[in-house]
């Protein structure tokens, strides 16, 4: 009987060491070496204080800021347990009600805006953590943000263009803008990443 258990225990110990210790250490080391900014959480700092991450969306509800996509982690405080599938099924009446409430909130914040509301402002991303919005969603909010801040819409539009990320290799993804970086630029703050 011991001859049966011994190989099983040795194999269990070897696999535990390989998959539970060596592999995680190797992946962490490679991540730290090749992608140090992302491995450290892509933390954005202003004046030496962490204000967020470039990889995780935050909720903004003040009319003088660009609003992000609805987040599965909020509203506040940040709740990492919410980082899972965040959209309800398309036939679920709760989704219709939630989207209608979000459209109403956007229209209440800017009643003069008669443009169609971009879908990414009223639906969460698959992870519920997306820190970026489409350029259409940013452009939809330009007049409201400019009016609230007493800025020219052209200046706000220029900030969007300066902070826009374009398609990777010209074909992958959609043009987008990081909401936290854009809002920090509106405040005239220079973010630093660590």
C-alpha atoms as a PDB file:
ATOM      1  CA  UNK A   1       0.000   0.000   0.000  1.00  0.00           C
ATOM      2  CA  UNK A   2       2.833   2.408   0.802  1.00  0.00           C
ATOM      3  CA  UNK A   3       4.265   1.678  -2.628  1.00  0.00           C
ATOM      4  CA  UNK A   4       1.048   3.094  -4.138  1.00  0.00           C
ATOM      5  CA  UNK A   5       0.876   6.228  -1.986  1.00  0.00           C
ATOM      6  CA  UNK A   6       4.547   7.177  -2.245  1.00  0.00           C
ATOM      7  CA  UNK A   7       4.547   7.942  -6.012  1.00  0.00           C
ATOM      8  CA  UNK A   8       1.234   9.780  -5.650  1.00  0.00           C
ATOM      9  CA  UNK A   9       2.585  11.934  -2.805  1.00  0.00           C
ATOM     10  CA  UNK A  10       5.805  12.666  -4.690  1.00  0.00           C
ATOM     11  CA  UNK A  11       3.845  13.635  -7.797  1.00  0.00           C
ATOM     12  CA  UNK A  12       1.472  15.769  -5.695  1.00  0.00           C
ATOM     13  CA  UNK A  13       4.435  17.553  -4.072  1.00  0.00           C
ATOM     14  CA  UNK A  14       6.197  18.093  -7.411  1.00  0.00           C
ATOM     15  CA  UNK A  15       3.087  19.470  -9.089  1.00  0.00           C
ATOM     16  CA  UNK A  16       2.338  21.716  -6.098  1.00  0.00           C
ATOM     17  CA  UNK A  17       5.872  23.099  -6.245  1.00  0.00           C
ATOM     18  CA  UNK A  18       5.757  23.557 -10.030  1.00  0.00           C
ATOM     19  CA  UNK A  19       2.269  25.028 -10.377  1.00  0.00           C
ATOM     20  CA  UNK A  20       1.836  26.649  -6.979  1.00  0.00           C
ATOM     21  CA  UNK A  21       5.267  28.196  -6.495  1.00  0.00           C
ATOM     22  CA  UNK A  22       7.604  28.128  -9.495  1.00  0.00           C
ATOM     23  CA  UNK A  23       5.078  29.029 -12.212  1.00  0.00           C
ATOM     24  CA  UNK A  24       3.552  32.012 -10.314  1.00  0.00           C
ATOM     25  CA  UNK A  25       7.044  33.295  -9.482  1.00  0.00           C
ATOM     26  CA  UNK A  26       8.130  32.982 -13.121  1.00  0.00           C
ATOM     27  CA  UNK A  27       5.009  34.726 -14.461  1.00  0.00           C
ATOM     28  CA  UNK A  28       5.322  37.500 -11.873  1.00  0.00           C
ATOM     29  CA  UNK A  29       9.006  37.966 -12.711  1.00  0.00           C
ATOM     30  CA  UNK A  30       8.362  38.126 -16.452  1.00  0.00           C
ATOM     31  CA  UNK A  31       5.477  40.547 -15.893  1.00  0.00           C
ATOM     32  CA  UNK A  32       7.612  42.794 -13.689  1.00  0.00           C
ATOM     33  CA  UNK A  33      10.479  42.725 -16.180  1.00  0.00           C
ATOM     34  CA  UNK A  34       8.551  43.229 -19.430  1.00  0.00           C
ATOM     35  CA  UNK A  35       5.528  45.233 -18.226  1.00  0.00           C
ATOM     36  CA  UNK A  36       6.523  47.001 -14.997  1.00  0.00           C
ATOM     37  CA  UNK A  37       3.866  49.738 -15.258  1.00  0.00           C
ATOM     38  CA  UNK A  38       0.982  47.318 -15.797  1.00  0.00           C
ATOM     39  CA  UNK A  39       2.288  44.797 -13.240  1.00  0.00           C
ATOM     40  CA  UNK A  40       2.305  47.549 -10.616  1.00  0.00           C
ATOM     41  CA  UNK A  41      -1.370  48.314 -11.326  1.00  0.00           C
ATOM     42  CA  UNK A  42      -0.886  51.291 -13.688  1.00  0.00           C
ATOM     43  CA  UNK A  43      -1.413  53.633 -10.744  1.00  0.00           C
ATOM     44  CA  UNK A  44      -1.954  57.296 -11.634  1.00  0.00           C
ATOM     45  CA  UNK A  45      -0.578  59.811  -9.152  1.00  0.00           C
ATOM     46  CA  UNK A  46      -1.078  63.547  -8.834  1.00  0.00           C
ATOM     47  CA  UNK A  47       1.250  65.441  -6.509  1.00  0.00           C
ATOM     48  CA  UNK A  48       2.534  62.165  -5.060  1.00  0.00           C
ATOM     49  CA  UNK A  49      -0.960  60.874  -4.192  1.00  0.00           C
ATOM     50  CA  UNK A  50      -2.591  57.916  -5.933  1.00  0.00           C
ATOM     51  CA  UNK A  51      -5.831  59.013  -7.604  1.00  0.00           C
ATOM     52  CA  UNK A  52      -6.692  55.851  -9.519  1.00  0.00           C
ATOM     53  CA  UNK A  53      -5.541  53.347 -12.072  1.00  0.00           C
ATOM     54  CA  UNK A  54      -5.332  53.708 -15.828  1.00  0.00           C
ATOM     55  CA  UNK A  55      -6.807  50.205 -16.064  1.00  0.00           C
ATOM     56  CA  UNK A  56      -9.867  50.443 -13.799  1.00  0.00           C
ATOM     57  CA  UNK A  57     -12.797  52.754 -14.416  1.00  0.00           C
ATOM     58  CA  UNK A  58     -14.095  55.196 -11.833  1.00  0.00           C
ATOM     59  CA  UNK A  59     -17.508  56.748 -11.468  1.00  0.00           C
ATOM     60  CA  UNK A  60     -17.868  60.467 -12.146  1.00  0.00           C
ATOM     61  CA  UNK A  61     -21.276  62.047 -11.617  1.00  0.00           C
ATOM     62  CA  UNK A  62     -20.538  65.790 -11.348  1.00  0.00           C
ATOM     63  CA  UNK A  63     -21.659  67.628 -14.490  1.00  0.00           C
ATOM     64  CA  UNK A  64     -18.276  69.376 -14.841  1.00  0.00           C
ATOM     65  CA  UNK A  65     -16.566  66.028 -15.475  1.00  0.00           C
ATOM     66  CA  UNK A  66     -16.767  63.495 -18.264  1.00  0.00           C
ATOM     67  CA  UNK A  67     -18.829  60.546 -17.150  1.00  0.00           C
ATOM     68  CA  UNK A  68     -17.533  57.046 -17.637  1.00  0.00           C
ATOM     69  CA  UNK A  69     -19.327  53.830 -18.420  1.00  0.00           C
ATOM     70  CA  UNK A  70     -21.460  52.404 -15.639  1.00  0.00           C
ATOM     71  CA  UNK A  71     -19.190  50.430 -13.339  1.00  0.00           C
ATOM     72  CA  UNK A  72     -19.786  47.077 -11.726  1.00  0.00           C
ATOM     73  CA  UNK A  73     -17.536  48.109  -8.853  1.00  0.00           C
ATOM     74  CA  UNK A  74     -19.346  51.128  -7.532  1.00  0.00           C
ATOM     75  CA  UNK A  75     -20.614  53.601  -7.190  1.00  0.00           C
ATOM     76  CA  UNK A  76     -18.358  54.197  -4.174  1.00  0.00           C
ATOM     77  CA  UNK A  77     -16.244  52.904  -2.593  1.00  0.00           C
ATOM     78  CA  UNK A  78     -14.480  50.698  -5.110  1.00  0.00           C
ATOM     79  CA  UNK A  79     -15.640  47.119  -4.679  1.00  0.00           C
ATOM     80  CA  UNK A  80     -13.453  44.553  -6.432  1.00  0.00           C
ATOM     81  CA  UNK A  81     -16.023  41.801  -5.867  1.00  0.00           C
ATOM     82  CA  UNK A  82     -18.166  43.526  -8.488  1.00  0.00           C
ATOM     83  CA  UNK A  83     -15.627  42.805 -11.223  1.00  0.00           C
ATOM     84  CA  UNK A  84     -17.629  40.164 -13.005  1.00  0.00           C
ATOM     85  CA  UNK A  85     -20.218  40.027 -15.740  1.00  0.00           C
ATOM     86  CA  UNK A  86     -22.116  43.250 -15.279  1.00  0.00           C
ATOM     87  CA  UNK A  87     -24.749  43.505 -17.992  1.00  0.00           C
ATOM     88  CA  UNK A  88     -28.106  41.865 -17.655  1.00  0.00           C
ATOM     89  CA  UNK A  89     -29.511  39.786 -20.479  1.00  0.00           C
ATOM     90  CA  UNK A  90     -31.081  41.683 -23.395  1.00  0.00           C
ATOM     91  CA  UNK A  91     -34.560  40.404 -22.562  1.00  0.00           C
ATOM     92  CA  UNK A  92     -34.329  41.256 -18.874  1.00  0.00           C
ATOM     93  CA  UNK A  93     -36.656  44.174 -18.022  1.00  0.00           C
ATOM     94  CA  UNK A  94     -34.180  45.281 -15.344  1.00  0.00           C
ATOM     95  CA  UNK A  95     -31.661  46.094 -18.109  1.00  0.00           C
ATOM     96  CA  UNK A  96     -34.224  48.225 -19.924  1.00  0.00           C
ATOM     97  CA  UNK A  97     -35.065  50.045 -16.691  1.00  0.00           C
ATOM     98  CA  UNK A  98     -31.374  50.597 -15.836  1.00  0.00           C
ATOM     99  CA  UNK A  99     -30.558  51.932 -19.311  1.00  0.00           C
ATOM    100  CA  UNK A 100     -33.608  54.212 -19.257  1.00  0.00           C
ATOM    101  CA  UNK A 101     -32.560  55.596 -15.864  1.00  0.00           C
ATOM    102  CA  UNK A 102     -29.035  56.256 -17.167  1.00  0.00           C
ATOM    103  CA  UNK A 103     -30.355  57.973 -20.302  1.00  0.00           C
ATOM    104  CA  UNK A 104     -32.634  60.100 -18.131  1.00  0.00           C
ATOM    105  CA  UNK A 105     -29.696  61.084 -15.886  1.00  0.00           C
ATOM    106  CA  UNK A 106     -27.606  62.110 -18.904  1.00  0.00           C
ATOM    107  CA  UNK A 107     -30.482  64.113 -20.382  1.00  0.00           C
ATOM    108  CA  UNK A 108     -31.176  65.790 -17.017  1.00  0.00           C
ATOM    109  CA  UNK A 109     -27.519  66.833 -16.767  1.00  0.00           C
ATOM    110  CA  UNK A 110     -27.641  68.360 -20.280  1.00  0.00           C
ATOM    111  CA  UNK A 111     -31.260  69.027 -21.361  1.00  0.00           C
ATOM    112  CA  UNK A 112     -30.195  71.003 -24.439  1.00  0.00           C
ATOM    113  CA  UNK A 113     -28.373  67.997 -25.902  1.00  0.00           C
ATOM    114  CA  UNK A 114     -30.721  66.261 -28.342  1.00  0.00           C
ATOM    115  CA  UNK A 115     -28.121  63.919 -29.839  1.00  0.00           C
ATOM    116  CA  UNK A 116     -28.631  60.169 -29.391  1.00  0.00           C
ATOM    117  CA  UNK A 117     -26.913  58.898 -26.231  1.00  0.00           C
ATOM    118  CA  UNK A 118     -23.932  56.655 -27.104  1.00  0.00           C
ATOM    119  CA  UNK A 119     -24.497  53.108 -25.916  1.00  0.00           C
ATOM    120  CA  UNK A 120     -21.286  52.929 -23.887  1.00  0.00           C
ATOM    121  CA  UNK A 121     -22.549  55.679 -21.568  1.00  0.00           C
ATOM    122  CA  UNK A 122     -25.543  53.588 -20.525  1.00  0.00           C
ATOM    123  CA  UNK A 123     -24.205  50.012 -20.552  1.00  0.00           C
ATOM    124  CA  UNK A 124     -21.312  48.535 -18.617  1.00  0.00           C
ATOM    125  CA  UNK A 125     -18.463  46.773 -20.351  1.00  0.00           C
ATOM    126  CA  UNK A 126     -18.124  43.001 -20.101  1.00  0.00           C
ATOM    127  CA  UNK A 127     -15.893  43.288 -17.052  1.00  0.00           C
ATOM    128  CA  UNK A 128     -17.650  46.315 -15.612  1.00  0.00           C
ATOM    129  CA  UNK A 129     -14.239  47.917 -15.101  1.00  0.00           C
ATOM    130  CA  UNK A 130     -13.583  49.686 -18.404  1.00  0.00           C
ATOM    131  CA  UNK A 131     -11.711  52.983 -17.788  1.00  0.00           C
ATOM    132  CA  UNK A 132     -12.288  54.287 -21.309  1.00  0.00           C
ATOM    133  CA  UNK A 133     -15.187  55.611 -23.341  1.00  0.00           C
ATOM    134  CA  UNK A 134     -15.574  55.923 -27.076  1.00  0.00           C
ATOM    135  CA  UNK A 135     -14.812  59.220 -28.761  1.00  0.00           C
ATOM    136  CA  UNK A 136     -18.543  59.452 -29.553  1.00  0.00           C
ATOM    137  CA  UNK A 137     -19.326  59.225 -25.817  1.00  0.00           C
ATOM    138  CA  UNK A 138     -16.737  61.901 -25.036  1.00  0.00           C
ATOM    139  CA  UNK A 139     -17.989  64.169 -27.829  1.00  0.00           C
ATOM    140  CA  UNK A 140     -21.565  63.758 -26.565  1.00  0.00           C
ATOM    141  CA  UNK A 141     -20.487  65.355 -23.266  1.00  0.00           C
ATOM    142  CA  UNK A 142     -18.352  68.238 -24.605  1.00  0.00           C
ATOM    143  CA  UNK A 143     -20.983  70.996 -24.438  1.00  0.00           C
ATOM    144  CA  UNK A 144     -22.098  70.074 -20.916  1.00  0.00           C
ATOM    145  CA  UNK A 145     -18.544  69.936 -19.547  1.00  0.00           C
ATOM    146  CA  UNK A 146     -17.528  73.162 -21.312  1.00  0.00           C
ATOM    147  CA  UNK A 147     -20.596  75.028 -20.038  1.00  0.00           C
ATOM    148  CA  UNK A 148     -20.147  73.796 -16.468  1.00  0.00           C
ATOM    149  CA  UNK A 149     -16.499  74.859 -16.456  1.00  0.00           C
ATOM    150  CA  UNK A 150     -16.893  78.090 -18.385  1.00  0.00           C
ATOM    151  CA  UNK A 151     -14.570  76.802 -21.115  1.00  0.00           C
ATOM    152  CA  UNK A 152     -14.845  76.991 -24.866  1.00  0.00           C
ATOM    153  CA  UNK A 153     -16.136  73.728 -26.362  1.00  0.00           C
ATOM    154  CA  UNK A 154     -13.217  73.843 -28.805  1.00  0.00           C
ATOM    155  CA  UNK A 155     -10.757  73.713 -25.896  1.00  0.00           C
ATOM    156  CA  UNK A 156     -12.528  70.715 -24.355  1.00  0.00           C
ATOM    157  CA  UNK A 157     -12.602  69.027 -27.774  1.00  0.00           C
ATOM    158  CA  UNK A 158      -8.852  69.612 -28.104  1.00  0.00           C
ATOM    159  CA  UNK A 159      -8.286  67.866 -24.740  1.00  0.00           C
ATOM    160  CA  UNK A 160     -10.197  64.848 -26.013  1.00  0.00           C
ATOM    161  CA  UNK A 161      -8.042  64.733 -29.141  1.00  0.00           C
ATOM    162  CA  UNK A 162      -4.843  65.037 -27.069  1.00  0.00           C
ATOM    163  CA  UNK A 163      -5.821  62.144 -24.806  1.00  0.00           C
ATOM    164  CA  UNK A 164      -7.378  59.868 -27.434  1.00  0.00           C
ATOM    165  CA  UNK A 165      -5.986  56.402 -28.032  1.00  0.00           C
ATOM    166  CA  UNK A 166      -6.372  55.151 -31.566  1.00  0.00           C
ATOM    167  CA  UNK A 167      -6.658  51.688 -33.037  1.00  0.00           C
ATOM    168  CA  UNK A 168      -3.738  49.411 -32.300  1.00  0.00           C
ATOM    169  CA  UNK A 169      -1.788  48.843 -35.525  1.00  0.00           C
ATOM    170  CA  UNK A 170      -4.494  50.869 -37.246  1.00  0.00           C
ATOM    171  CA  UNK A 171      -7.026  48.010 -37.245  1.00  0.00           C
ATOM    172  CA  UNK A 172      -7.578  46.594 -33.741  1.00  0.00           C
ATOM    173  CA  UNK A 173     -10.048  48.158 -31.330  1.00  0.00           C
ATOM    174  CA  UNK A 174     -11.887  51.442 -31.491  1.00  0.00           C
ATOM    175  CA  UNK A 175     -10.669  54.994 -30.871  1.00  0.00           C
ATOM    176  CA  UNK A 176     -11.205  55.803 -27.200  1.00  0.00           C
ATOM    177  CA  UNK A 177     -10.207  58.061 -24.327  1.00  0.00           C
ATOM    178  CA  UNK A 178      -9.336  57.306 -20.694  1.00  0.00           C
ATOM    179  CA  UNK A 179     -11.897  59.142 -18.551  1.00  0.00           C
ATOM    180  CA  UNK A 180      -9.658  59.626 -15.499  1.00  0.00           C
ATOM    181  CA  UNK A 181      -6.805  61.067 -17.580  1.00  0.00           C
ATOM    182  CA  UNK A 182      -9.221  63.363 -19.416  1.00  0.00           C
ATOM    183  CA  UNK A 183     -10.812  64.623 -16.191  1.00  0.00           C
ATOM    184  CA  UNK A 184      -7.400  65.254 -14.640  1.00  0.00           C
ATOM    185  CA  UNK A 185      -6.475  67.271 -17.727  1.00  0.00           C
ATOM    186  CA  UNK A 186      -9.665  69.312 -17.273  1.00  0.00           C
ATOM    187  CA  UNK A 187      -8.548  70.090 -13.728  1.00  0.00           C
ATOM    188  CA  UNK A 188      -5.153  71.147 -15.064  1.00  0.00           C
ATOM    189  CA  UNK A 189      -3.386  68.378 -13.150  1.00  0.00           C
ATOM    190  CA  UNK A 190      -0.437  66.511 -14.542  1.00  0.00           C
ATOM    191  CA  UNK A 191      -0.700  62.812 -13.748  1.00  0.00           C
ATOM    192  CA  UNK A 192       2.342  60.619 -13.221  1.00  0.00           C
ATOM    193  CA  UNK A 193       2.217  56.866 -13.443  1.00  0.00           C
ATOM    194  CA  UNK A 194       4.163  54.435 -11.352  1.00  0.00           C
END
